[in-house]
Amino acid sequence: MTDHGTKYLKAIALDIAEGYVSVNQLYLKPLNEQSLKSLYSIVMKVQAGIRAAPFPYSEIDLIRKRSLKLQRLYAALTVIKNTARERKYKW
């Protein structure tokens, strides 16, 4: 598969955070090494952006949503790393 643009990959990363996209090996199968690296770095940036946002101390629903987003992104990063390791990509 050809290299995807950063806007496309950022949209995917935001969809992962919202729970619209579930990342698994079948989903990552058509991605080449460069696309996988780009997706990994963009997911890291989205995760850092969520962590950098002010913490909603008094609103339990917002705390729960933030935690779920971070959990989904972390799980996606783990799947991407393991897929890259299985394909023997050097990062």
Protein backbone atom coordinates (compact mmCIF):
# COMPACT_ATOMS: atom_id res chain seq x y z
CA MET A 1 0.00 0.00 0.00
CA THR A 2 1.25 3.46 -0.74
CA ASP A 3 2.25 5.93 1.91
CA HIS A 4 -0.75 7.69 3.46
CA GLY A 5 -0.91 11.40 4.16
CA THR A 6 -0.66 12.73 7.68
CA LYS A 7 -4.22 14.12 7.59
CA TYR A 8 -5.57 10.65 6.82
CA LEU A 9 -3.51 9.01 9.55
CA LYS A 10 -4.39 11.71 12.08
CA ALA A 11 -8.07 11.12 11.32
CA ILE A 12 -7.52 7.40 11.92
CA ALA A 13 -5.75 8.13 15.22
CA LEU A 14 -8.63 10.32 16.37
CA ASP A 15 -11.10 7.61 15.34
CA ILE A 16 -9.10 5.10 17.38
CA ALA A 17 -9.29 7.41 20.40
CA GLU A 18 -13.06 7.80 20.00
CA GLY A 19 -13.56 4.05 19.59
CA TYR A 20 -14.77 4.09 15.99
CA VAL A 21 -11.83 2.01 14.76
CA SER A 22 -10.53 -1.13 16.40
CA VAL A 23 -6.87 -1.77 15.65
CA ASN A 24 -5.89 -5.38 15.07
CA GLN A 25 -3.51 -7.23 12.80
CA LEU A 26 -6.09 -7.58 10.03
CA TYR A 27 -6.62 -3.81 10.05
CA LEU A 28 -2.86 -3.20 9.83
CA LYS A 29 -2.20 -5.86 7.20
CA PRO A 30 -2.34 -3.56 4.14
CA LEU A 31 0.00 -0.97 5.70
CA ASN A 32 3.64 -0.96 4.66
CA GLU A 33 6.56 -0.17 6.96
CA GLN A 34 6.53 3.59 6.37
CA SER A 35 2.76 3.87 6.90
CA LEU A 36 2.98 1.82 10.08
CA LYS A 37 5.75 4.08 11.43
CA SER A 38 3.75 7.17 10.55
CA LEU A 39 0.62 5.81 12.21
CA TYR A 40 2.61 4.95 15.34
CA SER A 41 4.09 8.43 15.62
CA ILE A 42 0.74 10.15 15.01
CA VAL A 43 -1.00 7.98 17.62
CA MET A 44 1.77 8.98 20.05
CA LYS A 45 1.14 12.67 19.26
CA VAL A 46 -2.61 12.31 19.75
CA GLN A 47 -1.98 10.54 23.05
CA ALA A 48 0.34 13.36 24.16
CA GLY A 49 -2.29 15.91 23.16
CA ILE A 50 -4.93 14.22 25.28
CA ARG A 51 -2.55 14.04 28.23
CA ALA A 52 -1.65 17.72 27.81
CA ALA A 53 -5.26 18.86 27.99
CA PRO A 54 -6.36 20.21 31.38
CA PHE A 55 -7.57 17.49 33.70
CA PRO A 56 -11.31 17.73 34.49
CA TYR A 57 -11.14 17.20 38.26
CA SER A 58 -14.79 17.66 39.14
CA GLU A 59 -16.48 16.05 36.11
CA ILE A 60 -16.51 12.28 36.40
CA ASP A 61 -17.91 11.68 32.90
CA LEU A 62 -15.09 13.64 31.29
CA ILE A 63 -12.50 11.80 33.39
CA ARG A 64 -13.95 8.48 32.24
CA LYS A 65 -13.95 9.55 28.57
CA ARG A 66 -10.35 10.75 28.83
CA SER A 67 -9.25 7.49 30.43
CA LEU A 68 -11.03 5.42 27.77
CA LYS A 69 -9.36 7.41 24.98
CA LEU A 70 -5.94 6.91 26.53
CA GLN A 71 -6.63 3.21 27.03
CA ARG A 72 -7.68 2.74 23.40
CA LEU A 73 -4.62 4.60 22.13
CA TYR A 74 -2.28 2.60 24.35
CA ALA A 75 -3.81 -0.67 23.15
CA ALA A 76 -3.43 0.47 19.54
CA LEU A 77 0.23 1.35 20.12
CA THR A 78 0.83 -2.09 21.59
CA VAL A 79 -0.77 -3.81 18.59
CA ILE A 80 1.22 -1.65 16.15
CA LYS A 81 4.50 -2.40 17.95
CA ASN A 82 3.82 -6.13 18.03
CA THR A 83 2.84 -6.16 14.36
CA ALA A 84 6.04 -4.34 13.43
CA ARG A 85 8.07 -6.80 15.48
CA GLU A 86 6.39 -9.80 13.82
CA ARG A 87 7.09 -8.32 10.39
CA LYS A 88 10.69 -7.73 11.51
CA TYR A 89 10.67 -4.01 10.81
CA LYS A 90 13.62 -2.09 12.20
CA TRP A 91 12.63 1.13 13.98
